[in-house]
Amino acid sequence: MYNRLARRHPQATFIDIPITNDNANLREELKIVAVPTGHIYHPGAGLVEELKMAKSYWNDFEDVFYSYMNGHCDVGGFDYRDPMGRDDGVRF
């Protein structure tokens, strides 16, 4: 489901970070308590959402993802229809 969502939205950057003993410090720094976890970042606002991505939570994650992609969430006055926060008529 994750890979399919990434293929459908090449305008968004998707990064898959495996959880291993070698990167335990990263998991601790990001305060990840559930695996898999999804973070949604905005270029100007940083981390705006942290959500569980397990199969039972997938629909919730996808709904939140689409709300940002369609410009329905407001963080810091940014227009999410444009990754730089401008509303110049460009739509994803």
PDB file of N, CA and C in Angstrom:
ATOM      1  N   MET A   1       0.825  -1.184   0.000  1.00  0.00           N
ATOM      2  CA  MET A   1       0.000   0.000   0.000  1.00  0.00           C
ATOM      3  C   MET A   1       0.880   1.263   0.000  1.00  0.00           C
ATOM      4  N   TYR A   2       1.934   1.230   0.795  1.00  0.00           N
ATOM      5  CA  TYR A   2       2.858   2.364   0.877  1.00  0.00           C
ATOM      6  C   TYR A   2       3.518   2.613  -0.480  1.00  0.00           C
ATOM      7  N   ASN A   3       4.051   1.561  -1.072  1.00  0.00           N
ATOM      8  CA  ASN A   3       4.723   1.704  -2.375  1.00  0.00           C
ATOM      9  C   ASN A   3       3.747   2.147  -3.457  1.00  0.00           C
ATOM     10  N   ARG A   4       2.539   1.658  -3.407  1.00  0.00           N
ATOM     11  CA  ARG A   4       1.523   2.058  -4.383  1.00  0.00           C
ATOM     12  C   ARG A   4       1.201   3.552  -4.239  1.00  0.00           C
ATOM     13  N   LEU A   5       1.052   4.022  -3.003  1.00  0.00           N
ATOM     14  CA  LEU A   5       0.785   5.435  -2.764  1.00  0.00           C
ATOM     15  C   LEU A   5       1.956   6.286  -3.277  1.00  0.00           C
ATOM     16  N   ALA A   6       3.172   5.840  -3.036  1.00  0.00           N
ATOM     17  CA  ALA A   6       4.352   6.573  -3.507  1.00  0.00           C
ATOM     18  C   ALA A   6       4.390   6.635  -5.031  1.00  0.00           C
ATOM     19  N   ARG A   7       4.084   5.537  -5.702  1.00  0.00           N
ATOM     20  CA  ARG A   7       4.075   5.530  -7.179  1.00  0.00           C
ATOM     21  C   ARG A   7       3.000   6.459  -7.732  1.00  0.00           C
ATOM     22  N   ARG A   8       1.870   6.547  -7.061  1.00  0.00           N
ATOM     23  CA  ARG A   8       0.766   7.395  -7.531  1.00  0.00           C
ATOM     24  C   ARG A   8       1.030   8.885  -7.312  1.00  0.00           C
ATOM     25  N   HIS A   9       1.994   9.208  -6.454  1.00  0.00           N
ATOM     26  CA  HIS A   9       2.238  10.615  -6.097  1.00  0.00           C
ATOM     27  C   HIS A   9       3.732  10.940  -6.189  1.00  0.00           C
ATOM     28  N   PRO A  10       4.273  10.944  -7.403  1.00  0.00           N
ATOM     29  CA  PRO A  10       5.711  11.231  -7.547  1.00  0.00           C
ATOM     30  C   PRO A  10       6.082  12.655  -7.140  1.00  0.00           C
ATOM     31  N   GLN A  11       5.129  13.556  -7.007  1.00  0.00           N
ATOM     32  CA  GLN A  11       5.409  14.921  -6.593  1.00  0.00           C
ATOM     33  C   GLN A  11       5.727  15.001  -5.090  1.00  0.00           C
ATOM     34  N   ALA A  12       5.416  13.949  -4.344  1.00  0.00           N
ATOM     35  CA  ALA A  12       5.742  13.879  -2.920  1.00  0.00           C
ATOM     36  C   ALA A  12       6.967  12.981  -2.753  1.00  0.00           C
ATOM     37  N   THR A  13       7.773  13.264  -1.762  1.00  0.00           N
ATOM     38  CA  THR A  13       8.956  12.453  -1.490  1.00  0.00           C
ATOM     39  C   THR A  13       8.611  11.424  -0.425  1.00  0.00           C
ATOM     40  N   PHE A  14       8.806  10.161  -0.739  1.00  0.00           N
ATOM     41  CA  PHE A  14       8.568   9.062   0.189  1.00  0.00           C
ATOM     42  C   PHE A  14       9.919   8.449   0.534  1.00  0.00           C
ATOM     43  N   ILE A  15      10.173   8.271   1.810  1.00  0.00           N
ATOM     44  CA  ILE A  15      11.423   7.666   2.268  1.00  0.00           C
ATOM     45  C   ILE A  15      11.067   6.515   3.189  1.00  0.00           C
ATOM     46  N   ASP A  16      11.615   5.348   2.890  1.00  0.00           N
ATOM     47  CA  ASP A  16      11.384   4.156   3.699  1.00  0.00           C
ATOM     48  C   ASP A  16      12.655   3.891   4.497  1.00  0.00           C
ATOM     49  N   ILE A  17      12.570   3.970   5.813  1.00  0.00           N
ATOM     50  CA  ILE A  17      13.730   3.746   6.678  1.00  0.00           C
ATOM     51  C   ILE A  17      13.484   2.485   7.485  1.00  0.00           C
ATOM     52  N   PRO A  18      14.248   1.420   7.197  1.00  0.00           N
ATOM     53  CA  PRO A  18      14.080   0.198   7.982  1.00  0.00           C
ATOM     54  C   PRO A  18      14.558   0.414   9.422  1.00  0.00           C
ATOM     55  N   ILE A  19      13.881  -0.207  10.352  1.00  0.00           N
ATOM     56  CA  ILE A  19      14.256  -0.123  11.758  1.00  0.00           C
ATOM     57  C   ILE A  19      15.204  -1.278  12.056  1.00  0.00           C
ATOM     58  N   THR A  20      16.441  -0.930  12.394  1.00  0.00           N
ATOM     59  CA  THR A  20      17.457  -1.940  12.706  1.00  0.00           C
ATOM     60  C   THR A  20      18.205  -1.517  13.967  1.00  0.00           C
ATOM     61  N   ASN A  21      19.021  -2.424  14.483  1.00  0.00           N
ATOM     62  CA  ASN A  21      19.860  -2.072  15.635  1.00  0.00           C
ATOM     63  C   ASN A  21      20.861  -0.988  15.265  1.00  0.00           C
ATOM     64  N   ASP A  22      21.270  -0.952  13.998  1.00  0.00           N
ATOM     65  CA  ASP A  22      22.256   0.028  13.547  1.00  0.00           C
ATOM     66  C   ASP A  22      21.721   1.455  13.544  1.00  0.00           C
ATOM     67  N   ASN A  23      20.416   1.642  13.440  1.00  0.00           N
ATOM     68  CA  ASN A  23      19.869   2.999  13.439  1.00  0.00           C
ATOM     69  C   ASN A  23      18.906   3.228  14.614  1.00  0.00           C
ATOM     70  N   ALA A  24      19.128   2.536  15.698  1.00  0.00           N
ATOM     71  CA  ALA A  24      18.277   2.683  16.885  1.00  0.00           C
ATOM     72  C   ALA A  24      18.277   4.124  17.387  1.00  0.00           C
ATOM     73  N   ASN A  25      19.406   4.828  17.233  1.00  0.00           N
ATOM     74  CA  ASN A  25      19.458   6.223  17.681  1.00  0.00           C
ATOM     75  C   ASN A  25      18.490   7.095  16.883  1.00  0.00           C
ATOM     76  N   LEU A  26      18.306   6.808  15.607  1.00  0.00           N
ATOM     77  CA  LEU A  26      17.358   7.552  14.786  1.00  0.00           C
ATOM     78  C   LEU A  26      15.934   7.324  15.282  1.00  0.00           C
ATOM     79  N   ARG A  27      15.606   6.069  15.545  1.00  0.00           N
ATOM     80  CA  ARG A  27      14.277   5.729  16.067  1.00  0.00           C
ATOM     81  C   ARG A  27      14.028   6.446  17.396  1.00  0.00           C
ATOM     82  N   GLU A  28      15.035   6.476  18.249  1.00  0.00           N
ATOM     83  CA  GLU A  28      14.896   7.158  19.538  1.00  0.00           C
ATOM     84  C   GLU A  28      14.757   8.664  19.355  1.00  0.00           C
ATOM     85  N   GLU A  29      15.557   9.240  18.462  1.00  0.00           N
ATOM     86  CA  GLU A  29      15.501  10.686  18.230  1.00  0.00           C
ATOM     87  C   GLU A  29      14.155  11.128  17.670  1.00  0.00           C
ATOM     88  N   LEU A  30      13.578  10.306  16.792  1.00  0.00           N
ATOM     89  CA  LEU A  30      12.268  10.619  16.213  1.00  0.00           C
ATOM     90  C   LEU A  30      11.115  10.204  17.133  1.00  0.00           C
ATOM     91  N   LYS A  31      11.439   9.561  18.251  1.00  0.00           N
ATOM     92  CA  LYS A  31      10.453   9.115  19.241  1.00  0.00           C
ATOM     93  C   LYS A  31       9.389   8.195  18.628  1.00  0.00           C
ATOM     94  N   ILE A  32       9.860   7.262  17.815  1.00  0.00           N
ATOM     95  CA  ILE A  32       8.948   6.314  17.171  1.00  0.00           C
ATOM     96  C   ILE A  32       8.612   5.211  18.156  1.00  0.00           C
ATOM     97  N   VAL A  33       7.320   5.063  18.446  1.00  0.00           N
ATOM     98  CA  VAL A  33       6.879   4.058  19.410  1.00  0.00           C
ATOM     99  C   VAL A  33       6.136   2.902  18.735  1.00  0.00           C
ATOM    100  N   ALA A  34       5.677   3.107  17.515  1.00  0.00           N
ATOM    101  CA  ALA A  34       4.971   2.056  16.785  1.00  0.00           C
ATOM    102  C   ALA A  34       5.597   1.919  15.400  1.00  0.00           C
ATOM    103  N   VAL A  35       5.664   0.686  14.939  1.00  0.00           N
ATOM    104  CA  VAL A  35       6.200   0.415  13.604  1.00  0.00           C
ATOM    105  C   VAL A  35       5.131  -0.324  12.830  1.00  0.00           C
ATOM    106  N   PRO A  36       4.809   0.110  11.645  1.00  0.00           N
ATOM    107  CA  PRO A  36       5.360   1.251  10.916  1.00  0.00           C
ATOM    108  C   PRO A  36       4.691   2.560  11.331  1.00  0.00           C
ATOM    109  N   THR A  37       5.471   3.631  11.254  1.00  0.00           N
ATOM    110  CA  THR A  37       5.009   4.981  11.552  1.00  0.00           C
ATOM    111  C   THR A  37       5.256   5.848  10.332  1.00  0.00           C
ATOM    112  N   GLY A  38       4.331   6.730  10.044  1.00  0.00           N
ATOM    113  CA  GLY A  38       4.501   7.651   8.925  1.00  0.00           C
ATOM    114  C   GLY A  38       4.587   9.079   9.421  1.00  0.00           C
ATOM    115  N   HIS A  39       5.543   9.806   8.889  1.00  0.00           N
ATOM    116  CA  HIS A  39       5.676  11.236   9.184  1.00  0.00           C
ATOM    117  C   HIS A  39       5.312  12.007   7.931  1.00  0.00           C
ATOM    118  N   ILE A  40       4.605  13.092   8.105  1.00  0.00           N
ATOM    119  CA  ILE A  40       4.309  14.003   7.004  1.00  0.00           C
ATOM    120  C   ILE A  40       4.989  15.321   7.347  1.00  0.00           C
ATOM    121  N   TYR A  41       5.856  15.758   6.435  1.00  0.00           N
ATOM    122  CA  TYR A  41       6.609  16.993   6.618  1.00  0.00           C
ATOM    123  C   TYR A  41       6.190  18.018   5.574  1.00  0.00           C
ATOM    124  N   HIS A  42       6.252  19.268   5.958  1.00  0.00           N
ATOM    125  CA  HIS A  42       6.044  20.367   5.022  1.00  0.00           C
ATOM    126  C   HIS A  42       7.366  21.123   4.942  1.00  0.00           C
ATOM    127  N   PRO A  43       7.787  21.553   3.727  1.00  0.00           N
ATOM    128  CA  PRO A  43       9.084  22.223   3.585  1.00  0.00           C
ATOM    129  C   PRO A  43       9.264  23.433   4.497  1.00  0.00           C
ATOM    130  N   GLY A  44       8.229  24.167   4.772  1.00  0.00           N
ATOM    131  CA  GLY A  44       8.356  25.350   5.607  1.00  0.00           C
ATOM    132  C   GLY A  44       7.958  25.150   7.050  1.00  0.00           C
ATOM    133  N   ALA A  45       7.215  24.086   7.356  1.00  0.00           N
ATOM    134  CA  ALA A  45       6.692  23.888   8.701  1.00  0.00           C
ATOM    135  C   ALA A  45       7.322  22.703   9.421  1.00  0.00           C
ATOM    136  N   GLY A  46       8.082  21.868   8.722  1.00  0.00           N
ATOM    137  CA  GLY A  46       8.687  20.691   9.344  1.00  0.00           C
ATOM    138  C   GLY A  46       7.663  19.580   9.531  1.00  0.00           C
ATOM    139  N   LEU A  47       7.832  18.813  10.596  1.00  0.00           N
ATOM    140  CA  LEU A  47       6.931  17.703  10.889  1.00  0.00           C
ATOM    141  C   LEU A  47       5.548  18.230  11.242  1.00  0.00           C
ATOM    142  N   VAL A  48       4.534  17.807  10.483  1.00  0.00           N
ATOM    143  CA  VAL A  48       3.166  18.254  10.758  1.00  0.00           C
ATOM    144  C   VAL A  48       2.252  17.113  11.188  1.00  0.00           C
ATOM    145  N   GLU A  49       2.630  15.874  10.889  1.00  0.00           N
ATOM    146  CA  GLU A  49       1.820  14.721  11.301  1.00  0.00           C
ATOM    147  C   GLU A  49       2.731  13.533  11.582  1.00  0.00           C
ATOM    148  N   GLU A  50       2.365  12.750  12.593  1.00  0.00           N
ATOM    149  CA  GLU A  50       3.001  11.471  12.878  1.00  0.00           C
ATOM    150  C   GLU A  50       1.875  10.472  13.096  1.00  0.00           C
ATOM    151  N   LEU A  51       1.807   9.476  12.228  1.00  0.00           N
ATOM    152  CA  LEU A  51       0.664   8.561  12.236  1.00  0.00           C
ATOM    153  C   LEU A  51       1.108   7.111  12.131  1.00  0.00           C
ATOM    154  N   LYS A  52       0.345   6.236  12.757  1.00  0.00           N
ATOM    155  CA  LYS A  52       0.570   4.801  12.586  1.00  0.00           C
ATOM    156  C   LYS A  52       0.204   4.422  11.160  1.00  0.00           C
ATOM    157  N   MET A  53       0.946   3.475  10.587  1.00  0.00           N
ATOM    158  CA  MET A  53       0.697   3.067   9.200  1.00  0.00           C
ATOM    159  C   MET A  53       0.391   1.581   9.064  1.00  0.00           C
ATOM    160  N   ALA A  54       0.170   0.890  10.160  1.00  0.00           N
ATOM    161  CA  ALA A  54      -0.171  -0.532  10.067  1.00  0.00           C
ATOM    162  C   ALA A  54      -1.444  -0.687   9.253  1.00  0.00           C
ATOM    163  N   LYS A  55      -1.668  -1.880   8.768  1.00  0.00           N
ATOM    164  CA  LYS A  55      -2.824  -2.133   7.899  1.00  0.00           C
ATOM    165  C   LYS A  55      -4.129  -1.632   8.513  1.00  0.00           C
ATOM    166  N   SER A  56      -4.302  -1.820   9.801  1.00  0.00           N
ATOM    167  CA  SER A  56      -5.558  -1.400  10.447  1.00  0.00           C
ATOM    168  C   SER A  56      -5.688   0.120  10.540  1.00  0.00           C
ATOM    169  N   TYR A  57      -4.582   0.851  10.368  1.00  0.00           N
ATOM    170  CA  TYR A  57      -4.609   2.315  10.421  1.00  0.00           C
ATOM    171  C   TYR A  57      -4.421   2.954   9.051  1.00  0.00           C
ATOM    172  N   TRP A  58      -4.225   2.144   8.011  1.00  0.00           N
ATOM    173  CA  TRP A  58      -3.853   2.665   6.701  1.00  0.00           C
ATOM    174  C   TRP A  58      -4.855   3.689   6.152  1.00  0.00           C
ATOM    175  N   ASN A  59      -6.133   3.421   6.269  1.00  0.00           N
ATOM    176  CA  ASN A  59      -7.128   4.362   5.736  1.00  0.00           C
ATOM    177  C   ASN A  59      -7.014   5.730   6.395  1.00  0.00           C
ATOM    178  N   ASP A  60      -6.741   5.756   7.697  1.00  0.00           N
ATOM    179  CA  ASP A  60      -6.552   7.026   8.392  1.00  0.00           C
ATOM    180  C   ASP A  60      -5.327   7.759   7.851  1.00  0.00           C
ATOM    181  N   PHE A  61      -4.222   7.029   7.678  1.00  0.00           N
ATOM    182  CA  PHE A  61      -3.004   7.648   7.143  1.00  0.00           C
ATOM    183  C   PHE A  61      -3.262   8.223   5.753  1.00  0.00           C
ATOM    184  N   GLU A  62      -3.904   7.431   4.907  1.00  0.00           N
ATOM    185  CA  GLU A  62      -4.176   7.866   3.534  1.00  0.00           C
ATOM    186  C   GLU A  62      -5.090   9.099   3.517  1.00  0.00           C
ATOM    187  N   ASP A  63      -6.097   9.125   4.384  1.00  0.00           N
ATOM    188  CA  ASP A  63      -6.998  10.287   4.463  1.00  0.00           C
ATOM    189  C   ASP A  63      -6.229  11.554   4.831  1.00  0.00           C
ATOM    190  N   VAL A  64      -5.342  11.454   5.811  1.00  0.00           N
ATOM    191  CA  VAL A  64      -4.562  12.616   6.232  1.00  0.00           C
ATOM    192  C   VAL A  64      -3.610  13.034   5.112  1.00  0.00           C
ATOM    193  N   PHE A  65      -2.956  12.067   4.486  1.00  0.00           N
ATOM    194  CA  PHE A  65      -2.052  12.357   3.368  1.00  0.00           C
ATOM    195  C   PHE A  65      -2.789  13.135   2.279  1.00  0.00           C
ATOM    196  N   TYR A  66      -3.953  12.648   1.877  1.00  0.00           N
ATOM    197  CA  TYR A  66      -4.714  13.325   0.823  1.00  0.00           C
ATOM    198  C   TYR A  66      -5.209  14.694   1.263  1.00  0.00           C
ATOM    199  N   SER A  67      -5.509  14.860   2.546  1.00  0.00           N
ATOM    200  CA  SER A  67      -5.953  16.178   2.994  1.00  0.00           C
ATOM    201  C   SER A  67      -4.838  17.202   2.809  1.00  0.00           C
ATOM    202  N   TYR A  68      -3.592  16.812   3.058  1.00  0.00           N
ATOM    203  CA  TYR A  68      -2.471  17.724   2.812  1.00  0.00           C
ATOM    204  C   TYR A  68      -2.252  17.931   1.324  1.00  0.00           C
ATOM    205  N   MET A  69      -2.301  16.878   0.550  1.00  0.00           N
ATOM    206  CA  MET A  69      -2.060  16.992  -0.887  1.00  0.00           C
ATOM    207  C   MET A  69      -3.131  17.833  -1.572  1.00  0.00           C
ATOM    208  N   ASN A  70      -4.332  17.831  -1.031  1.00  0.00           N
ATOM    209  CA  ASN A  70      -5.427  18.593  -1.636  1.00  0.00           C
ATOM    210  C   ASN A  70      -5.607  19.983  -1.026  1.00  0.00           C
ATOM    211  N   GLY A  71      -4.724  20.368  -0.106  1.00  0.00           N
ATOM    212  CA  GLY A  71      -4.770  21.711   0.449  1.00  0.00           C
ATOM    213  C   GLY A  71      -5.825  21.935   1.498  1.00  0.00           C
ATOM    214  N   HIS A  72      -6.254  20.873   2.199  1.00  0.00           N
ATOM    215  CA  HIS A  72      -7.318  21.022   3.186  1.00  0.00           C
ATOM    216  C   HIS A  72      -6.816  21.181   4.612  1.00  0.00           C
ATOM    217  N   CYS A  73      -5.497  21.081   4.827  1.00  0.00           N
ATOM    218  CA  CYS A  73      -4.949  21.260   6.168  1.00  0.00           C
ATOM    219  C   CYS A  73      -4.138  22.536   6.196  1.00  0.00           C
ATOM    220  N   ASP A  74      -4.275  23.273   7.264  1.00  0.00           N
ATOM    221  CA  ASP A  74      -3.592  24.548   7.378  1.00  0.00           C
ATOM    222  C   ASP A  74      -2.596  24.502   8.521  1.00  0.00           C
ATOM    223  N   VAL A  75      -1.323  24.619   8.184  1.00  0.00           N
ATOM    224  CA  VAL A  75      -0.270  24.707   9.180  1.00  0.00           C
ATOM    225  C   VAL A  75       0.556  25.937   8.837  1.00  0.00           C
ATOM    226  N   GLY A  76       0.566  26.902   9.693  1.00  0.00           N
ATOM    227  CA  GLY A  76       1.372  28.087   9.477  1.00  0.00           C
ATOM    228  C   GLY A  76       0.962  28.909   8.267  1.00  0.00           C
ATOM    229  N   GLY A  77      -0.297  28.806   7.835  1.00  0.00           N
ATOM    230  CA  GLY A  77      -0.762  29.608   6.718  1.00  0.00           C
ATOM    231  C   GLY A  77      -0.297  29.130   5.362  1.00  0.00           C
ATOM    232  N   PHE A  78       0.263  27.919   5.257  1.00  0.00           N
ATOM    233  CA  PHE A  78       0.738  27.401   3.980  1.00  0.00           C
ATOM    234  C   PHE A  78      -0.411  26.825   3.171  1.00  0.00           C
ATOM    235  N   ASP A  79      -0.315  26.970   1.875  1.00  0.00           N
ATOM    236  CA  ASP A  79      -1.271  26.344   0.968  1.00  0.00           C
ATOM    237  C   ASP A  79      -0.630  25.053   0.475  1.00  0.00           C
ATOM    238  N   TYR A  80      -1.161  23.920   0.917  1.00  0.00           N
ATOM    239  CA  TYR A  80      -0.549  22.631   0.626  1.00  0.00           C
ATOM    240  C   TYR A  80      -0.735  22.166  -0.806  1.00  0.00           C
ATOM    241  N   ARG A  81      -1.469  22.913  -1.597  1.00  0.00           N
ATOM    242  CA  ARG A  81      -1.581  22.543  -3.009  1.00  0.00           C
ATOM    243  C   ARG A  81      -0.286  22.833  -3.726  1.00  0.00           C
ATOM    244  N   ASP A  82       0.582  23.665  -3.116  1.00  0.00           N
ATOM    245  CA  ASP A  82       1.884  23.977  -3.686  1.00  0.00           C
ATOM    246  C   ASP A  82       2.930  23.726  -2.606  1.00  0.00           C
ATOM    247  N   PRO A  83       3.963  22.925  -2.879  1.00  0.00           N
ATOM    248  CA  PRO A  83       4.932  22.575  -1.844  1.00  0.00           C
ATOM    249  C   PRO A  83       5.680  23.771  -1.264  1.00  0.00           C
ATOM    250  N   MET A  84       5.693  24.886  -1.940  1.00  0.00           N
ATOM    251  CA  MET A  84       6.382  26.066  -1.412  1.00  0.00           C
ATOM    252  C   MET A  84       5.420  27.016  -0.713  1.00  0.00           C
ATOM    253  N   GLY A  85       4.150  26.633  -0.591  1.00  0.00           N
ATOM    254  CA  GLY A  85       3.196  27.422   0.140  1.00  0.00           C
ATOM    255  C   GLY A  85       2.572  28.562  -0.645  1.00  0.00           C
ATOM    256  N   ARG A  86       2.787  28.607  -1.950  1.00  0.00           N
ATOM    257  CA  ARG A  86       2.180  29.669  -2.782  1.00  0.00           C
ATOM    258  C   ARG A  86       0.886  29.142  -3.356  1.00  0.00           C
ATOM    259  N   ASP A  87      -0.060  29.999  -3.555  1.00  0.00           N
ATOM    260  CA  ASP A  87      -1.284  29.619  -4.242  1.00  0.00           C
ATOM    261  C   ASP A  87      -1.292  30.328  -5.582  1.00  0.00           C
ATOM    262  N   ASP A  88      -0.630  29.696  -6.562  1.00  0.00           N
ATOM    263  CA  ASP A  88      -0.529  30.310  -7.891  1.00  0.00           C
ATOM    264  C   ASP A  88      -1.394  29.577  -8.914  1.00  0.00           C
ATOM    265  N   GLY A  89      -2.377  28.836  -8.424  1.00  0.00           N
ATOM    266  CA  GLY A  89      -3.280  28.133  -9.331  1.00  0.00           C
ATOM    267  C   GLY A  89      -2.797  26.743  -9.697  1.00  0.00           C
ATOM    268  N   VAL A  90      -1.579  26.376  -9.329  1.00  0.00           N
ATOM    269  CA  VAL A  90      -1.049  25.056  -9.658  1.00  0.00           C
ATOM    270  C   VAL A  90      -1.659  24.030  -8.725  1.00  0.00           C
ATOM    271  N   ARG A  91      -2.138  22.947  -9.241  1.00  0.00           N
ATOM    272  CA  ARG A  91      -2.760  21.901  -8.431  1.00  0.00           C
ATOM    273  C   ARG A  91      -2.045  20.584  -8.687  1.00  0.00           C
ATOM    274  N   PHE A  92      -1.954  19.775  -7.641  1.00  0.00           N
ATOM    275  CA  PHE A  92      -1.333  18.436  -7.764  1.00  0.00           C
ATOM    276  C   PHE A  92      -2.311  17.469  -8.347  1.00  0.00           C
TER     277      PHE A  92
END
